[in-house]
Protein backbone atom coordinates (compact mmCIF):
# COMPACT_ATOMS: atom_id res chain seq x y z
CA MET A 1 -16.83 1.75 -17.40
CA SER A 2 -14.89 -2.26 -18.23
CA GLU A 3 -15.95 -4.71 -16.06
CA PRO A 4 -14.34 -5.45 -12.77
CA VAL A 5 -11.37 -8.11 -12.74
CA ILE A 6 -12.64 -9.74 -10.10
CA LYS A 7 -16.11 -9.84 -9.04
CA ALA A 8 -17.36 -11.69 -5.77
CA GLN A 9 -20.94 -11.85 -3.92
CA GLY A 10 -21.75 -13.35 -1.23
CA LEU A 11 -18.68 -15.62 -1.38
CA GLY A 12 -18.45 -17.99 1.44
CA LYS A 13 -16.26 -21.38 2.63
CA THR A 14 -17.08 -24.08 5.05
CA TYR A 15 -15.02 -26.85 5.82
CA GLN A 16 -16.21 -30.10 7.69
CA PHE A 17 -13.63 -32.39 8.88
CA HIS A 18 -13.71 -35.26 12.20
CA ARG A 19 -12.10 -35.25 15.45
CA GLN A 20 -10.19 -37.36 16.55
CA PRO A 21 -10.79 -38.92 19.75
CA GLN A 22 -8.69 -39.67 22.11
CA GLY A 23 -6.47 -42.69 23.31
CA LEU A 24 -7.02 -46.11 22.15
CA ALA A 25 -10.73 -46.48 23.11
CA GLY A 26 -11.35 -43.17 21.30
CA ALA A 27 -10.14 -44.33 18.18
CA VAL A 28 -12.14 -47.39 18.13
CA ARG A 29 -15.21 -45.55 18.80
CA GLY A 30 -14.22 -43.26 15.81
CA LEU A 31 -14.32 -46.13 13.79
CA PHE A 32 -17.95 -46.52 14.34
CA HIS A 33 -19.27 -43.00 15.13
CA ARG A 34 -17.13 -39.93 14.29
CA GLU A 35 -18.33 -36.42 15.33
CA ALA A 36 -18.61 -33.73 12.38
CA THR A 37 -16.77 -30.14 12.99
CA ILE A 38 -18.02 -27.42 10.83
CA VAL A 39 -15.95 -24.41 10.34
CA GLN A 40 -16.97 -21.13 8.20
CA ALA A 41 -13.62 -19.83 6.89
CA VAL A 42 -14.92 -17.26 4.60
CA ARG A 43 -18.54 -16.05 4.88
CA GLY A 44 -20.53 -13.55 2.81
CA LEU A 45 -17.98 -11.45 1.36
CA ASP A 46 -18.79 -9.04 -1.32
CA LEU A 47 -15.79 -8.23 -3.48
CA SER A 48 -15.38 -5.87 -6.83
CA VAL A 49 -11.34 -5.29 -8.30
CA GLY A 50 -11.34 -3.15 -11.36
CA ARG A 51 -9.07 -3.33 -14.26
CA GLY A 52 -5.10 -1.92 -13.40
CA GLU A 53 -5.98 -1.89 -9.55
CA VAL A 54 -3.72 -2.61 -7.27
CA VAL A 55 -5.34 -4.27 -3.75
CA GLY A 56 -3.68 -5.13 -0.76
CA LEU A 57 -5.89 -8.27 0.85
CA LEU A 58 -4.73 -8.01 4.21
CA GLY A 59 -5.96 -9.67 7.63
CA PRO A 60 -4.35 -11.54 10.76
CA ASN A 61 -3.46 -15.00 10.88
CA GLY A 62 -6.31 -17.57 10.52
CA ALA A 63 -8.99 -14.80 9.01
CA GLY A 64 -9.82 -16.67 5.95
CA LYS A 65 -7.70 -14.56 3.48
CA THR A 66 -5.26 -17.44 2.30
CA THR A 67 -8.69 -18.98 1.21
CA VAL A 68 -9.86 -15.98 -0.30
CA VAL A 69 -6.94 -15.89 -2.68
CA LYS A 70 -7.55 -19.93 -3.22
CA MET A 71 -11.18 -19.63 -4.16
CA LEU A 72 -9.97 -16.29 -6.49
CA CYS A 73 -7.23 -18.88 -7.90
CA GLY A 74 -9.71 -21.69 -8.56
CA LEU A 75 -7.76 -24.02 -6.00
CA LEU A 76 -10.95 -24.16 -4.07
CA VAL A 77 -14.42 -24.53 -4.66
CA PRO A 78 -16.92 -21.91 -2.92
CA THR A 79 -19.50 -23.36 -0.44
CA THR A 80 -21.91 -20.25 -1.36
CA GLY A 81 -22.16 -17.24 -3.26
CA SER A 82 -21.21 -16.26 -7.08
CA LEU A 83 -17.46 -15.55 -8.21
CA GLU A 84 -15.95 -14.53 -11.52
CA VAL A 85 -12.45 -13.79 -12.02
CA CYS A 86 -11.04 -12.40 -15.61
CA GLY A 87 -14.84 -13.36 -16.99
CA GLU A 88 -14.22 -16.80 -15.78
CA ARG A 89 -15.37 -18.97 -13.12
CA PRO A 90 -12.08 -20.15 -11.52
CA ALA A 91 -12.70 -23.76 -10.36
CA ASP A 92 -13.89 -24.67 -13.34
CA ARG A 93 -9.75 -24.04 -14.21
CA SER A 94 -9.83 -23.33 -18.18
CA HIS A 95 -6.94 -22.65 -20.41
CA THR A 96 -8.34 -19.05 -20.98
CA PHE A 97 -8.96 -18.62 -17.03
CA LEU A 98 -5.24 -19.77 -16.37
CA SER A 99 -3.26 -17.71 -19.19
CA ARG A 100 -5.49 -14.58 -17.59
CA ILE A 101 -3.71 -15.07 -14.24
CA SER A 102 -0.29 -15.38 -12.92
CA VAL A 103 1.21 -16.07 -9.00
CA ILE A 104 4.30 -15.07 -7.72
CA PHE A 105 5.51 -16.52 -4.11
CA GLY A 106 8.20 -15.05 -1.85
CA GLN A 107 8.67 -18.31 -0.75
CA LYS A 108 8.52 -20.78 -3.49
CA ALA A 109 10.08 -20.65 -6.35
CA MET A 110 8.79 -21.79 -10.33
CA LEU A 111 12.07 -21.54 -12.01
CA TRP A 112 13.57 -24.93 -12.32
CA TRP A 113 17.28 -24.57 -10.02
CA ASP A 114 19.82 -26.64 -12.76
CA VAL A 115 19.00 -24.72 -15.90
CA SER A 116 18.66 -21.21 -16.71
CA THR A 117 15.77 -19.03 -16.74
CA ARG A 118 15.65 -18.97 -20.24
CA GLU A 119 15.10 -22.46 -20.49
CA SER A 120 12.37 -22.02 -17.79
CA LEU A 121 10.78 -19.18 -19.88
CA LYS A 122 10.64 -21.21 -23.12
CA ILE A 123 8.49 -24.56 -20.53
CA HIS A 124 6.60 -21.76 -20.27
CA ARG A 125 6.13 -20.62 -23.38
CA SER A 126 5.04 -24.30 -24.76
CA MET A 127 2.27 -24.25 -21.97
CA TYR A 128 0.77 -21.33 -22.78
CA GLY A 129 0.55 -21.32 -26.72
CA ILE A 130 2.66 -18.21 -27.06
CA SER A 131 4.47 -17.86 -30.41
CA ARG A 132 7.64 -17.73 -31.41
CA ASP A 133 7.54 -13.98 -32.22
CA ASP A 134 5.64 -12.98 -29.44
CA PHE A 135 7.83 -14.64 -27.08
CA ARG A 136 11.40 -13.29 -28.51
CA THR A 137 9.46 -9.73 -28.18
CA THR A 138 8.06 -10.54 -24.63
CA VAL A 139 11.47 -11.92 -23.11
CA ALA A 140 13.62 -8.78 -24.94
CA ARG A 141 10.72 -6.28 -23.07
CA LEU A 142 10.49 -8.11 -19.68
CA GLY A 143 14.55 -7.85 -19.95
CA ASP A 144 14.46 -4.31 -20.33
CA LEU A 145 12.44 -3.77 -18.05
CA LEU A 146 13.33 -5.95 -15.00
CA GLY A 147 17.17 -5.80 -15.83
CA ILE A 148 17.79 -9.24 -16.01
CA THR A 149 19.07 -9.51 -19.71
CA ASP A 150 22.41 -10.38 -18.58
CA VAL A 151 21.46 -12.88 -16.52
CA LEU A 152 18.55 -15.37 -18.55
CA ASP A 153 21.35 -17.69 -19.82
CA THR A 154 23.00 -18.19 -16.20
CA PRO A 155 21.67 -21.01 -14.46
CA VAL A 156 19.26 -20.27 -11.91
CA ARG A 157 21.33 -21.67 -8.90
CA HIS A 158 24.00 -19.13 -9.68
CA LEU A 159 21.60 -16.30 -9.60
CA SER A 160 21.52 -14.09 -6.52
CA LEU A 161 18.23 -13.82 -4.46
CA GLY A 162 17.05 -10.08 -6.19
CA GLN A 163 17.98 -11.70 -9.27
CA ARG A 164 16.42 -14.49 -9.00
CA MET A 165 13.39 -12.66 -7.84
CA ARG A 166 13.34 -10.33 -10.98
CA CYS A 167 13.42 -13.46 -12.75
CA GLU A 168 10.22 -14.93 -11.08
CA LEU A 169 8.60 -11.92 -12.05
CA ALA A 170 9.20 -12.58 -15.48
CA LEU A 171 8.14 -16.28 -15.33
CA ALA A 172 4.90 -14.70 -13.79
CA LEU A 173 4.46 -11.94 -16.64
CA LEU A 174 5.81 -13.68 -19.78
CA HIS A 175 1.97 -14.73 -20.99
CA ARG A 176 1.07 -11.37 -20.61
CA PRO A 177 -1.77 -11.98 -17.42
CA THR A 178 -4.50 -9.62 -16.52
CA LEU A 179 -4.18 -10.84 -12.99
CA LEU A 180 -1.26 -11.22 -10.90
CA PHE A 181 -1.13 -12.46 -7.38
CA ALA A 182 1.81 -11.45 -5.24
CA ASP A 183 2.13 -13.36 -2.07
CA GLU A 184 4.47 -12.29 0.41
CA PRO A 185 6.60 -11.19 -2.69
CA THR A 186 9.63 -9.61 -0.66
CA ILE A 187 9.67 -11.64 2.14
CA GLY A 188 13.23 -12.61 3.20
CA LEU A 189 14.91 -9.87 0.71
CA ASP A 190 17.35 -7.10 2.37
CA VAL A 191 16.15 -3.80 2.20
CA GLN A 192 17.71 -2.67 -0.67
CA ALA A 193 15.85 -5.93 -2.64
CA LYS A 194 12.71 -5.29 -1.05
CA VAL A 195 12.65 -1.62 -2.68
CA THR A 196 13.55 -3.20 -5.96
CA VAL A 197 10.81 -5.60 -5.94
CA ARG A 198 8.11 -2.76 -4.96
CA ASN A 199 9.69 -0.86 -7.92
CA LEU A 200 9.24 -3.82 -10.04
CA LEU A 201 5.40 -4.48 -9.26
CA ARG A 202 4.67 -0.78 -9.16
CA ASP A 203 6.74 -0.66 -12.94
CA ILE A 204 4.72 -3.88 -14.19
CA ASN A 205 1.37 -2.45 -12.94
CA ARG A 206 2.06 1.06 -14.83
CA THR A 207 3.45 -0.45 -17.98
CA PHE A 208 1.27 -3.17 -18.72
CA GLY A 209 -2.10 -2.34 -16.95
CA THR A 210 -1.63 -5.63 -14.63
CA THR A 211 -3.95 -5.88 -11.66
CA ILE A 212 -2.28 -6.89 -8.74
CA VAL A 213 -3.80 -8.39 -5.40
CA LEU A 214 -1.26 -8.00 -2.88
CA THR A 215 -1.01 -10.56 0.33
CA SER A 216 2.23 -9.22 2.55
CA HIS A 217 2.70 -9.08 6.71
CA ASP A 218 5.28 -6.59 5.41
CA MET A 219 2.97 -3.11 6.23
CA ASN A 220 5.91 -1.19 3.98
CA ASP A 221 4.94 -3.52 0.90
CA VAL A 222 1.52 -2.45 1.38
CA GLU A 223 1.97 1.37 1.85
CA ALA A 224 4.29 1.31 -0.95
CA LEU A 225 2.00 -0.51 -3.77
CA THR A 226 -1.43 -0.50 -2.92
CA ASP A 227 -4.23 1.87 -4.12
CA ARG A 228 -6.76 0.36 -1.50
CA VAL A 229 -6.50 -2.30 0.84
CA VAL A 230 -9.54 -5.07 2.04
CA VAL A 231 -8.81 -6.27 5.61
CA VAL A 232 -10.76 -10.01 5.93
CA LYS A 233 -11.43 -10.75 9.55
CA ALA A 234 -13.16 -14.10 10.77
CA GLY A 235 -14.00 -14.60 6.98
CA GLN A 236 -15.70 -11.08 6.72
CA ALA A 237 -14.74 -7.80 4.95
CA ALA A 238 -13.81 -6.02 7.76
CA PHE A 239 -12.62 -2.76 5.82
CA ASP A 240 -12.60 -1.80 2.15
CA GLY A 241 -11.03 1.86 1.13
CA ASN A 242 -7.39 3.51 1.22
CA LEU A 243 -5.40 4.38 3.39
CA ALA A 244 -6.27 7.41 4.48
CA ALA A 245 -9.69 6.14 5.19
CA LEU A 246 -7.94 2.98 6.70
CA ARG A 247 -6.06 5.35 9.23
CA ALA A 248 -9.37 6.97 10.12
CA HIS A 249 -11.01 3.90 10.63
CA ALA A 250 -8.17 3.01 13.40
CA GLY A 251 -8.76 6.15 14.90
CA ILE A 252 -5.03 6.30 16.32
CA PRO A 253 -4.61 10.30 16.11
CA ALA A 254 -1.45 11.56 15.02
CA GLU A 255 1.62 13.11 16.44
CA VAL A 256 3.41 16.45 16.74
CA VAL A 257 7.27 16.07 16.88
CA LEU A 258 8.68 19.15 18.68
CA THR A 259 12.60 19.99 18.52
CA TYR A 260 13.95 22.38 20.64
CA ARG A 261 17.59 24.26 20.44
CA ASP A 262 18.55 23.45 24.13
CA THR A 263 16.02 20.72 26.64
CA PRO A 264 12.56 22.39 26.88
CA ASN A 265 11.13 22.81 30.41
CA LEU A 266 7.89 20.88 30.36
CA PRO A 267 5.08 22.08 32.43
CA PRO A 268 4.25 18.32 34.51
CA ASP A 269 0.66 17.36 32.33
CA VAL A 270 3.07 17.86 29.35
CA SER A 271 6.08 15.95 30.42
CA ARG A 272 3.95 13.07 31.89
CA LYS A 273 1.88 12.37 28.24
CA SER A 274 4.93 13.68 25.99
CA THR A 275 7.54 10.63 24.78
CA LYS A 276 11.43 11.99 23.66
CA ASP A 277 12.16 12.28 20.47
CA GLY A 278 16.08 12.59 20.57
CA PRO A 279 17.98 14.66 23.05
CA ARG A 280 15.62 17.98 22.25
CA GLY A 281 12.85 16.63 21.01
CA ILE A 282 9.56 15.81 22.14
CA ARG A 283 6.00 13.96 20.63
CA LEU A 284 2.88 14.82 21.85
CA ARG A 285 -0.47 12.86 20.65
CA LEU A 286 -2.72 15.33 18.88
CA GLY A 287 -6.24 15.74 20.61
CA ASP A 288 -9.04 18.13 20.14
CA GLN A 289 -6.36 21.54 19.95
CA PRO A 290 -6.05 22.77 17.79
CA VAL A 291 -2.65 22.71 16.30
CA PRO A 292 -1.66 26.51 16.19
CA GLU A 293 -2.85 26.79 19.56
CA LEU A 294 -0.24 23.74 20.66
CA VAL A 295 2.36 25.32 18.79
CA HIS A 296 2.06 28.77 20.47
CA ALA A 297 2.12 26.65 23.80
CA ALA A 298 5.17 24.76 22.98
CA ALA A 299 6.82 27.59 21.80
CA ARG A 300 6.84 28.88 25.50
CA TRP A 301 8.57 25.67 26.85
CA GLY A 302 11.92 26.98 25.02
CA GLU A 303 13.53 27.91 21.72
CA LEU A 304 11.28 26.12 18.95
CA VAL A 305 13.30 25.24 16.41
CA ASP A 306 10.93 22.63 14.07
CA PHE A 307 8.09 20.77 14.56
CA ARG A 308 6.40 18.14 12.17
CA ILE A 309 3.15 16.23 12.02
CA VAL A 310 3.09 12.37 11.75
CA GLU A 311 0.61 10.34 11.09
CA ALA A 312 0.08 6.65 12.76
CA GLY A 313 2.46 3.93 11.40
CA LEU A 314 0.76 1.58 8.97
CA ASP A 315 2.13 -1.52 11.44
CA GLU A 316 0.33 0.29 14.78
CA VAL A 317 -2.92 0.98 12.77
CA MET A 318 -2.67 -2.40 11.29
CA SER A 319 -2.35 -4.10 14.74
CA LYS A 320 -5.14 -1.75 16.42
CA VAL A 321 -7.66 -2.69 13.21
CA PHE A 322 -6.72 -6.63 13.48
CA SER A 323 -7.24 -6.43 17.16
CA GLU A 324 -11.06 -5.13 17.14
CA GLY A 325 -13.55 -7.83 18.32
CA GLY A 326 -10.79 -9.81 19.88
CA GLU A 327 -9.00 -10.69 16.72
CA ARG A 328 -5.14 -10.83 17.18
CA PRO A 329 -1.81 -10.09 14.37
């Protein structure tokens, strides 16, 4: 088995700052005596990510996930614990390390606005010491994969948002990184563009074997892309597993959707517990009653034409997980 791309043990990050007393008198006192406040943003976090995995790093605002990502990228130095990413110590910011990772931000552009994507790619070729032959081969391959061959020489300012996002991906992948951090990659995109970006990230993972760490508040991104999710709460990994295990962890029962030919005649206790699903349908939470028994009973309430079982939506699941222990999404 190969070495994990990310290996963190007991990872912690502490911030210290000084509170500013209110008023002029407080400001004067602050010149001579400052009150230090210590905040533990991340504490005792263990994380291992294998080569080729797509992992969602999730958590409510203020949970510590941004701090975790910054330590993984080498932008912050851990206070405690050990951290190895792509076989390197991220905080050293060595050329080898930086050549093995890449980051794409949904809200920030890396492309130069006034020049073409090809010119930005040439700048990155020089930064990463890519040979001209490798550059031509990689650009051609990315152009075909991302569908941007025809717009590589168009100034970035004239590209549509979807085209620009695909060109941003090309720039992030030019040096063939082992690890890609995708931070809110579909934010601000329309529905069609979101689907396109998700499909491209999946293709990148399958084609190049790129490990992807996804941070997103869009649960459709998470459901479409990730093999596994790590939920960070209060600076710790509160959950680490696949989506099926996450749903089981949340403990939200599935629902059965019953559709009738005409309006059903529901018993009073069922009517109180059910919600409407269209003009002739109802939804019921699945409890301890076996599904065959429920369907048999439902057939007595009207002419049943269809039934299906629906798992809780991921937004509902994450809201439940985030709210445990008093955390809010």
